[in-house]
C-alpha atoms as a PDB file:
ATOM      1  CA  MET A   1     101.471  82.311  79.658  1.00  0.00           C
ATOM      2  CA  ILE A   2     101.178  85.722  77.989  1.00  0.00           C
ATOM      3  CA  THR A   3      97.553  86.801  77.649  1.00  0.00           C
ATOM      4  CA  ILE A   4      96.449  88.940  74.730  1.00  0.00           C
ATOM      5  CA  LYS A   5      93.798  91.435  75.795  1.00  0.00           C
ATOM      6  CA  SER A   6      90.666  92.325  73.873  1.00  0.00           C
ATOM      7  CA  ALA A   7      89.752  95.938  73.157  1.00  0.00           C
ATOM      8  CA  ARG A   8      87.127  95.725  75.926  1.00  0.00           C
ATOM      9  CA  GLU A   9      89.643  94.379  78.441  1.00  0.00           C
ATOM     10  CA  ILE A  10      92.077  97.176  77.610  1.00  0.00           C
ATOM     11  CA  GLU A  11      89.280  99.722  77.959  1.00  0.00           C
ATOM     12  CA  LEU A  12      88.445  98.371  81.429  1.00  0.00           C
ATOM     13  CA  MET A  13      92.111  98.477  82.441  1.00  0.00           C
ATOM     14  CA  GLU A  14      92.229 102.094  81.288  1.00  0.00           C
ATOM     15  CA  GLU A  15      89.201 102.907  83.460  1.00  0.00           C
ATOM     16  CA  SER A  16      91.046 101.311  86.366  1.00  0.00           C
ATOM     17  CA  GLY A  17      94.100 103.352  85.432  1.00  0.00           C
ATOM     18  CA  LYS A  18      92.113 106.579  85.646  1.00  0.00           C
ATOM     19  CA  ILE A  19      91.353 105.859  89.299  1.00  0.00           C
ATOM     20  CA  LEU A  20      95.009 105.111  89.963  1.00  0.00           C
ATOM     21  CA  ALA A  21      96.099 108.283  88.171  1.00  0.00           C
ATOM     22  CA  GLY A  22      93.623 110.244  90.276  1.00  0.00           C
ATOM     23  CA  VAL A  23      95.384 109.063  93.411  1.00  0.00           C
ATOM     24  CA  HIS A  24      98.742 110.238  92.093  1.00  0.00           C
ATOM     25  CA  ILE A  25      97.298 113.612  91.099  1.00  0.00           C
ATOM     26  CA  GLY A  26      95.906 114.009  94.615  1.00  0.00           C
ATOM     27  CA  LEU A  27      99.232 113.110  96.187  1.00  0.00           C
ATOM     28  CA  ARG A  28     100.858 116.113  94.517  1.00  0.00           C
ATOM     29  CA  ASN A  29      99.165 118.353  97.076  1.00  0.00           C
ATOM     30  CA  LEU A  30      99.229 115.924  99.998  1.00  0.00           C
ATOM     31  CA  ILE A  31     102.948 115.164 100.075  1.00  0.00           C
ATOM     32  CA  LYS A  32     104.771 117.983 101.841  1.00  0.00           C
ATOM     33  CA  PRO A  33     107.205 118.468 104.735  1.00  0.00           C
ATOM     34  CA  GLY A  34     105.745 117.525 108.105  1.00  0.00           C
ATOM     35  CA  ILE A  35     103.122 114.984 107.046  1.00  0.00           C
ATOM     36  CA  ASP A  36     103.132 111.450 108.371  1.00  0.00           C
ATOM     37  CA  MET A  37     103.971 108.983 105.597  1.00  0.00           C
ATOM     38  CA  TRP A  38     100.974 106.919 106.745  1.00  0.00           C
ATOM     39  CA  GLU A  39      98.663 109.639 105.361  1.00  0.00           C
ATOM     40  CA  ILE A  40      99.684 108.510 101.845  1.00  0.00           C
ATOM     41  CA  GLU A  41      98.317 105.036 102.547  1.00  0.00           C
ATOM     42  CA  THR A  42      95.038 106.256 104.047  1.00  0.00           C
ATOM     43  CA  PHE A  43      94.456 108.749 101.212  1.00  0.00           C
ATOM     44  CA  ALA A  44      95.104 106.164  98.498  1.00  0.00           C
ATOM     45  CA  ASP A  45      92.975 103.452 100.097  1.00  0.00           C
ATOM     46  CA  LYS A  46      90.037 105.824 100.607  1.00  0.00           C
ATOM     47  CA  TYR A  47      90.262 107.360  97.111  1.00  0.00           C
ATOM     48  CA  ILE A  48      90.375 103.995  95.350  1.00  0.00           C
ATOM     49  CA  ARG A  49      87.379 102.621  97.257  1.00  0.00           C
ATOM     50  CA  GLU A  50      85.321 105.812  96.897  1.00  0.00           C
ATOM     51  CA  HIS A  51      85.758 105.601  93.126  1.00  0.00           C
ATOM     52  CA  GLY A  52      84.576 102.003  92.930  1.00  0.00           C
ATOM     53  CA  GLY A  53      87.927 100.262  92.823  1.00  0.00           C
ATOM     54  CA  ILE A  54      89.711  97.797  95.046  1.00  0.00           C
ATOM     55  CA  PRO A  55      93.308  98.305  96.267  1.00  0.00           C
ATOM     56  CA  ALA A  56      94.638  95.245  94.453  1.00  0.00           C
ATOM     57  CA  GLN A  57      97.864  94.903  96.445  1.00  0.00           C
ATOM     58  CA  ILE A  58      95.992  94.089  99.652  1.00  0.00           C
ATOM     59  CA  GLY A  59      96.141  90.320 100.031  1.00  0.00           C
ATOM     60  CA  PHE A  60      98.536  89.844  97.096  1.00  0.00           C
ATOM     61  CA  GLU A  61     101.141  87.357  98.331  1.00  0.00           C
ATOM     62  CA  GLY A  62     100.153  88.306 101.885  1.00  0.00           C
ATOM     63  CA  TYR A  63     100.729  92.053 101.467  1.00  0.00           C
ATOM     64  CA  GLU A  64      98.599  94.163 103.822  1.00  0.00           C
ATOM     65  CA  TYR A  65      98.552  97.652 102.322  1.00  0.00           C
ATOM     66  CA  ALA A  66      97.072  99.588  99.416  1.00  0.00           C
ATOM     67  CA  THR A  67     100.423 101.178  98.588  1.00  0.00           C
ATOM     68  CA  CYS A  68     104.145 100.615  98.613  1.00  0.00           C
ATOM     69  CA  VAL A  69     105.892 103.764  99.853  1.00  0.00           C
ATOM     70  CA  SER A  70     109.672 103.948  99.492  1.00  0.00           C
ATOM     71  CA  ILE A  71     111.874 106.859 100.519  1.00  0.00           C
ATOM     72  CA  ASN A  72     115.324 108.130  99.508  1.00  0.00           C
ATOM     73  CA  ASN A  73     117.699 105.131  99.192  1.00  0.00           C
ATOM     74  CA  GLU A  74     114.831 102.618  99.286  1.00  0.00           C
ATOM     75  CA  ILE A  75     114.410 101.283  95.752  1.00  0.00           C
ATOM     76  CA  CYS A  76     110.982  99.656  96.018  1.00  0.00           C
ATOM     77  CA  HIS A  77     108.579  97.582  98.129  1.00  0.00           C
ATOM     78  CA  GLY A  78     108.647  99.977 101.066  1.00  0.00           C
ATOM     79  CA  PHE A  79     105.864  99.514 103.591  1.00  0.00           C
ATOM     80  CA  PRO A  80     103.619 102.488 104.487  1.00  0.00           C
ATOM     81  CA  ARG A  81     104.533 103.464 108.025  1.00  0.00           C
ATOM     82  CA  HIS A  82     104.433 106.244 110.585  1.00  0.00           C
ATOM     83  CA  GLN A  83     107.373 108.441 109.601  1.00  0.00           C
ATOM     84  CA  ILE A  84     107.383 112.209 109.266  1.00  0.00           C
ATOM     85  CA  LEU A  85     108.490 113.417 105.851  1.00  0.00           C
ATOM     86  CA  LYS A  86     111.052 116.204 105.792  1.00  0.00           C
ATOM     87  CA  GLU A  87     112.184 118.828 103.292  1.00  0.00           C
ATOM     88  CA  GLY A  88     114.286 117.263 100.553  1.00  0.00           C
ATOM     89  CA  ASP A  89     113.048 113.676 100.889  1.00  0.00           C
ATOM     90  CA  LEU A  90     112.361 111.687  97.717  1.00  0.00           C
ATOM     91  CA  VAL A  91     109.228 109.539  97.997  1.00  0.00           C
ATOM     92  CA  LYS A  92     108.054 106.845  95.559  1.00  0.00           C
ATOM     93  CA  VAL A  93     104.441 105.633  95.734  1.00  0.00           C
ATOM     94  CA  ASP A  94     103.506 102.422  93.904  1.00  0.00           C
ATOM     95  CA  MET A  95     100.023 100.893  93.821  1.00  0.00           C
ATOM     96  CA  CYS A  96      97.627  98.689  91.876  1.00  0.00           C
ATOM     97  CA  VAL A  97      93.899  99.099  91.322  1.00  0.00           C
ATOM     98  CA  ASP A  98      91.294  96.470  90.444  1.00  0.00           C
ATOM     99  CA  LEU A  99      88.127  97.806  88.822  1.00  0.00           C
ATOM    100  CA  ASN A 100      85.734  94.985  87.983  1.00  0.00           C
ATOM    101  CA  GLY A 101      88.660  92.787  87.003  1.00  0.00           C
ATOM    102  CA  GLY A 102      90.584  95.500  85.141  1.00  0.00           C
ATOM    103  CA  ILE A 103      94.020  95.817  86.734  1.00  0.00           C
ATOM    104  CA  SER A 104      96.315  98.847  86.602  1.00  0.00           C
ATOM    105  CA  ASP A 105      99.722  99.490  88.148  1.00  0.00           C
ATOM    106  CA  SER A 106     101.682 102.742  88.411  1.00  0.00           C
ATOM    107  CA  CYS A 107     104.434 104.264  90.541  1.00  0.00           C
ATOM    108  CA  TRP A 108     105.242 107.959  90.753  1.00  0.00           C
ATOM    109  CA  ALA A 109     107.983 109.906  92.498  1.00  0.00           C
ATOM    110  CA  TYR A 110     107.514 113.045  94.600  1.00  0.00           C
ATOM    111  CA  SER A 111     109.959 115.498  96.088  1.00  0.00           C
ATOM    112  CA  VAL A 112     109.037 116.632  99.577  1.00  0.00           C
ATOM    113  CA  GLY A 113     109.177 120.414  99.516  1.00  0.00           C
ATOM    114  CA  GLU A 114     111.810 121.917  97.259  1.00  0.00           C
ATOM    115  CA  ALA A 115     113.922 119.314  95.509  1.00  0.00           C
ATOM    116  CA  SER A 116     117.698 119.544  95.681  1.00  0.00           C
ATOM    117  CA  GLU A 117     119.572 119.610  92.383  1.00  0.00           C
ATOM    118  CA  GLU A 118     120.575 115.966  92.936  1.00  0.00           C
ATOM    119  CA  VAL A 119     116.979 114.873  93.543  1.00  0.00           C
ATOM    120  CA  GLN A 120     115.554 116.898  90.649  1.00  0.00           C
ATOM    121  CA  ASN A 121     118.136 115.600  88.176  1.00  0.00           C
ATOM    122  CA  LEU A 122     117.478 112.013  89.273  1.00  0.00           C
ATOM    123  CA  MET A 123     113.716 112.472  88.923  1.00  0.00           C
ATOM    124  CA  ASP A 124     114.103 114.033  85.467  1.00  0.00           C
ATOM    125  CA  VAL A 125     116.363 111.258  84.181  1.00  0.00           C
ATOM    126  CA  THR A 126     114.157 108.508  85.597  1.00  0.00           C
ATOM    127  CA  LYS A 127     110.970 109.968  84.144  1.00  0.00           C
ATOM    128  CA  LYS A 128     112.542 110.442  80.735  1.00  0.00           C
ATOM    129  CA  SER A 129     113.868 106.862  80.922  1.00  0.00           C
ATOM    130  CA  LEU A 130     110.288 105.664  81.400  1.00  0.00           C
ATOM    131  CA  TYR A 131     109.019 107.478  78.311  1.00  0.00           C
ATOM    132  CA  LEU A 132     111.997 106.414  76.192  1.00  0.00           C
ATOM    133  CA  GLY A 133     111.133 102.837  77.114  1.00  0.00           C
ATOM    134  CA  ILE A 134     107.458 103.383  76.289  1.00  0.00           C
ATOM    135  CA  GLU A 135     108.458 104.785  72.904  1.00  0.00           C
ATOM    136  CA  GLN A 136     109.927 101.378  72.049  1.00  0.00           C
ATOM    137  CA  ALA A 137     106.779  99.452  73.026  1.00  0.00           C
ATOM    138  CA  VAL A 138     105.421  99.000  69.517  1.00  0.00           C
ATOM    139  CA  ILE A 139     104.277  95.988  67.539  1.00  0.00           C
ATOM    140  CA  GLY A 140     107.259  94.111  66.112  1.00  0.00           C
ATOM    141  CA  ASN A 141     109.851  95.461  68.518  1.00  0.00           C
ATOM    142  CA  ARG A 142     111.372  93.216  71.151  1.00  0.00           C
ATOM    143  CA  ILE A 143     111.568  93.413  74.941  1.00  0.00           C
ATOM    144  CA  GLY A 144     115.288  94.156  74.637  1.00  0.00           C
ATOM    145  CA  ASP A 145     114.535  97.339  72.689  1.00  0.00           C
ATOM    146  CA  ILE A 146     112.755  98.747  75.754  1.00  0.00           C
ATOM    147  CA  GLY A 147     115.550  97.920  78.162  1.00  0.00           C
ATOM    148  CA  HIS A 148     118.267  99.063  75.777  1.00  0.00           C
ATOM    149  CA  ALA A 149     116.676 102.502  75.345  1.00  0.00           C
ATOM    150  CA  ILE A 150     116.408 102.970  79.101  1.00  0.00           C
ATOM    151  CA  GLN A 151     119.859 101.634  79.946  1.00  0.00           C
ATOM    152  CA  THR A 152     121.642 103.596  77.213  1.00  0.00           C
ATOM    153  CA  TYR A 153     120.077 106.871  78.295  1.00  0.00           C
ATOM    154  CA  ALA A 154     120.347 106.484  82.080  1.00  0.00           C
ATOM    155  CA  GLU A 155     123.867 105.080  82.098  1.00  0.00           C
ATOM    156  CA  GLY A 156     124.863 107.766  79.617  1.00  0.00           C
ATOM    157  CA  LYS A 157     123.877 110.282  82.300  1.00  0.00           C
ATOM    158  CA  GLY A 158     126.016 108.467  84.864  1.00  0.00           C
ATOM    159  CA  TYR A 159     123.254 106.641  86.748  1.00  0.00           C
ATOM    160  CA  GLY A 160     122.806 102.983  87.701  1.00  0.00           C
ATOM    161  CA  VAL A 161     119.886 100.956  86.323  1.00  0.00           C
ATOM    162  CA  VAL A 162     118.527  98.438  88.844  1.00  0.00           C
ATOM    163  CA  ARG A 163     118.650  94.835  87.580  1.00  0.00           C
ATOM    164  CA  ASP A 164     116.910  93.023  90.441  1.00  0.00           C
ATOM    165  CA  PHE A 165     113.411  94.374  89.782  1.00  0.00           C
ATOM    166  CA  VAL A 166     111.760  94.615  86.380  1.00  0.00           C
ATOM    167  CA  GLY A 167     108.532  95.468  84.615  1.00  0.00           C
ATOM    168  CA  HIS A 168     106.040  92.731  83.777  1.00  0.00           C
ATOM    169  CA  GLY A 169     102.866  91.730  82.046  1.00  0.00           C
ATOM    170  CA  ILE A 170      99.676  92.699  83.839  1.00  0.00           C
ATOM    171  CA  GLY A 171      96.153  91.274  83.805  1.00  0.00           C
ATOM    172  CA  PRO A 172      94.348  89.166  84.794  1.00  0.00           C
ATOM    173  CA  THR A 173      96.593  89.348  87.887  1.00  0.00           C
ATOM    174  CA  ILE A 174      99.109  91.962  89.017  1.00  0.00           C
ATOM    175  CA  HIS A 175     102.202  90.070  87.850  1.00  0.00           C
ATOM    176  CA  GLU A 176     102.056  88.146  84.574  1.00  0.00           C
ATOM    177  CA  ALA A 177     104.521  87.136  81.887  1.00  0.00           C
ATOM    178  CA  PRO A 178     106.592  88.533  80.290  1.00  0.00           C
ATOM    179  CA  MET A 179     109.284  90.121  82.419  1.00  0.00           C
ATOM    180  CA  VAL A 180     110.355  93.533  81.098  1.00  0.00           C
ATOM    181  CA  PRO A 181     113.941  94.366  82.178  1.00  0.00           C
ATOM    182  CA  HIS A 182     115.102  97.978  82.067  1.00  0.00           C
ATOM    183  CA  TYR A 183     118.429  96.973  80.578  1.00  0.00           C
ATOM    184  CA  GLY A 184     119.370  94.740  77.679  1.00  0.00           C
ATOM    185  CA  GLU A 185     120.274  94.423  74.010  1.00  0.00           C
ATOM    186  CA  ALA A 186     118.292  95.955  71.194  1.00  0.00           C
ATOM    187  CA  GLY A 187     116.683  93.369  68.934  1.00  0.00           C
ATOM    188  CA  LYS A 188     116.768  90.648  71.593  1.00  0.00           C
ATOM    189  CA  GLY A 189     113.994  89.007  73.576  1.00  0.00           C
ATOM    190  CA  LEU A 190     110.289  88.388  73.088  1.00  0.00           C
ATOM    191  CA  ARG A 191     108.611  90.144  70.172  1.00  0.00           C
ATOM    192  CA  LEU A 192     105.827  92.552  71.144  1.00  0.00           C
ATOM    193  CA  LYS A 193     102.358  91.805  69.792  1.00  0.00           C
ATOM    194  CA  GLU A 194      99.124  93.760  69.580  1.00  0.00           C
ATOM    195  CA  GLY A 195      97.002  93.258  72.687  1.00  0.00           C
ATOM    196  CA  MET A 196      99.846  92.675  75.125  1.00  0.00           C
ATOM    197  CA  VAL A 197      99.657  94.831  78.274  1.00  0.00           C
ATOM    198  CA  ILE A 198     102.846  95.454  80.241  1.00  0.00           C
ATOM    199  CA  THR A 199     104.347  97.739  82.826  1.00  0.00           C
ATOM    200  CA  ILE A 200     107.549  99.692  82.320  1.00  0.00           C
ATOM    201  CA  GLU A 201     108.972 100.876  85.631  1.00  0.00           C
ATOM    202  CA  PRO A 202     112.655 101.867  85.590  1.00  0.00           C
ATOM    203  CA  MET A 203     114.352 102.134  88.972  1.00  0.00           C
ATOM    204  CA  ILE A 204     117.365 104.413  88.607  1.00  0.00           C
ATOM    205  CA  ASN A 205     120.061 104.998  91.231  1.00  0.00           C
ATOM    206  CA  VAL A 206     122.445 107.920  91.645  1.00  0.00           C
ATOM    207  CA  GLY A 207     125.232 105.425  92.304  1.00  0.00           C
ATOM    208  CA  SER A 208     125.610 101.701  91.690  1.00  0.00           C
ATOM    209  CA  TRP A 209     122.738  99.678  90.189  1.00  0.00           C
ATOM    210  CA  GLU A 210     123.075  97.053  92.918  1.00  0.00           C
ATOM    211  CA  ALA A 211     120.249  96.397  95.383  1.00  0.00           C
ATOM    212  CA  GLU A 212     120.180  94.812  98.822  1.00  0.00           C
ATOM    213  CA  MET A 213     117.308  93.048 100.540  1.00  0.00           C
ATOM    214  CA  VAL A 214     117.371  93.190 104.339  1.00  0.00           C
ATOM    215  CA  TYR A 215     115.490  90.563 106.319  1.00  0.00           C
ATOM    216  CA  SER A 216     114.069  91.727 109.658  1.00  0.00           C
ATOM    217  CA  GLN A 217     114.326  88.980 112.275  1.00  0.00           C
ATOM    218  CA  SER A 218     112.095  90.889 114.686  1.00  0.00           C
ATOM    219  CA  SER A 219     109.147  91.242 112.299  1.00  0.00           C
ATOM    220  CA  GLY A 220     109.821  88.291 110.015  1.00  0.00           C
ATOM    221  CA  ASN A 221     109.377  90.596 107.022  1.00  0.00           C
ATOM    222  CA  ILE A 222     111.542  91.483 104.084  1.00  0.00           C
ATOM    223  CA  ASN A 223     112.306  95.181 104.421  1.00  0.00           C
ATOM    224  CA  PRO A 224     112.344  97.549 101.408  1.00  0.00           C
ATOM    225  CA  ALA A 225     115.030  96.938  98.820  1.00  0.00           C
ATOM    226  CA  ILE A 226     117.760  99.540  99.284  1.00  0.00           C
ATOM    227  CA  THR A 227     120.763 100.701  97.284  1.00  0.00           C
ATOM    228  CA  THR A 228     123.917  98.926  98.398  1.00  0.00           C
ATOM    229  CA  ASP A 229     125.897 102.167  98.441  1.00  0.00           C
ATOM    230  CA  GLY A 230     123.236 104.261 100.210  1.00  0.00           C
ATOM    231  CA  SER A 231     122.622 106.445  97.152  1.00  0.00           C
ATOM    232  CA  LEU A 232     119.228 107.858  96.188  1.00  0.00           C
ATOM    233  CA  SER A 233     116.887 105.803  94.018  1.00  0.00           C
ATOM    234  CA  CYS A 234     113.915 106.882  91.911  1.00  0.00           C
ATOM    235  CA  GLN A 235     111.121 105.055  90.086  1.00  0.00           C
ATOM    236  CA  TYR A 236     108.350 105.938  87.639  1.00  0.00           C
ATOM    237  CA  GLU A 237     105.929 103.395  86.190  1.00  0.00           C
ATOM    238  CA  HIS A 238     103.049 103.211  83.747  1.00  0.00           C
ATOM    239  CA  SER A 239     100.845 100.358  82.570  1.00  0.00           C
ATOM    240  CA  LEU A 240     100.466 100.361  78.789  1.00  0.00           C
ATOM    241  CA  ALA A 241      98.908  98.382  75.967  1.00  0.00           C
ATOM    242  CA  ILE A 242     100.607  97.459  72.706  1.00  0.00           C
ATOM    243  CA  THR A 243      98.235  98.654  69.958  1.00  0.00           C
ATOM    244  CA  LYS A 244      98.296  99.122  66.184  1.00  0.00           C
ATOM    245  CA  ASP A 245      98.450 102.871  66.864  1.00  0.00           C
ATOM    246  CA  GLY A 246     101.460 102.605  69.156  1.00  0.00           C
ATOM    247  CA  PRO A 247     101.764 102.288  72.928  1.00  0.00           C
ATOM    248  CA  LYS A 248      98.605 103.308  74.799  1.00  0.00           C
ATOM    249  CA  ILE A 249      99.331 104.495  78.346  1.00  0.00           C
ATOM    250  CA  LEU A 250      96.570 103.198  80.625  1.00  0.00           C
ATOM    251  CA  THR A 251      97.623 105.094  83.761  1.00  0.00           C
ATOM    252  CA  SER A 252      98.134 108.530  82.207  1.00  0.00           C
ATOM    253  CA  GLN A 253      97.821 111.544  84.495  1.00  0.00           C
ATOM    254  CA  GLY A 254      96.803 113.684  81.527  1.00  0.00           C
ATOM    255  CA  ILE A 255     100.101 115.314  80.615  1.00  0.00           C
ATOM    256  CA  GLU A 256     102.897 113.159  79.260  1.00  0.00           C
ATOM    257  CA  LEU A 257     106.556 114.069  79.200  1.00  0.00           C
ATOM    258  CA  GLU A 258     107.640 116.172  76.256  1.00  0.00           C
ATOM    259  CA  TYR A 259     111.215 115.929  75.004  1.00  0.00           C
END
């Protein structure tokens, strides 16, 4: 079922999104060569709680952490762990916040130290893909318009658009209908209506779009999704509401991409 949010519910989700955005802003200075990746988890968990929120991923389908932290060729769903970050790494941090029932979800990518040309180009294309998708999230458009805008741009730059993981509705739980693929045909799919709240979260690979899930027999866990060809992967994500005034980004960090 797709839930239509009231103005008050959207306002509460935006307040939640401000906490989440604050974590990402703080990570800009935290993430650097030589830090233990686990510091990302402890910073995020502490920040969210100190600002009155709850790390909503903890306990969701048995997940134990406030964040997902994925690095380099890991596409998504990486576990926070003790690993020293080094110059040139590409780190993606994804998290959800619950503030009095208002849910927000956002992923951001960070270069560790100075980004290589390959990393910087991938980050730029992925971020622009996100905002091109958001631009299509208006009343009367269809889900396919979002995916088509992202796919056309990213593939036009020579990158692969991950198919296995997609955006989604959000609220009252983390994952709600509808699914929001980052590929597709313009004019196809569910029509967008005022009051819908969705995430758009393109995962873009330097190489093939294909993903691989590796099951760990020792831990019994599903490891992070990785690119099948070992290429770098990047992700950016916002939560946004469909409004009569256009898409309203609920997890804004204050400065949106200009292009």
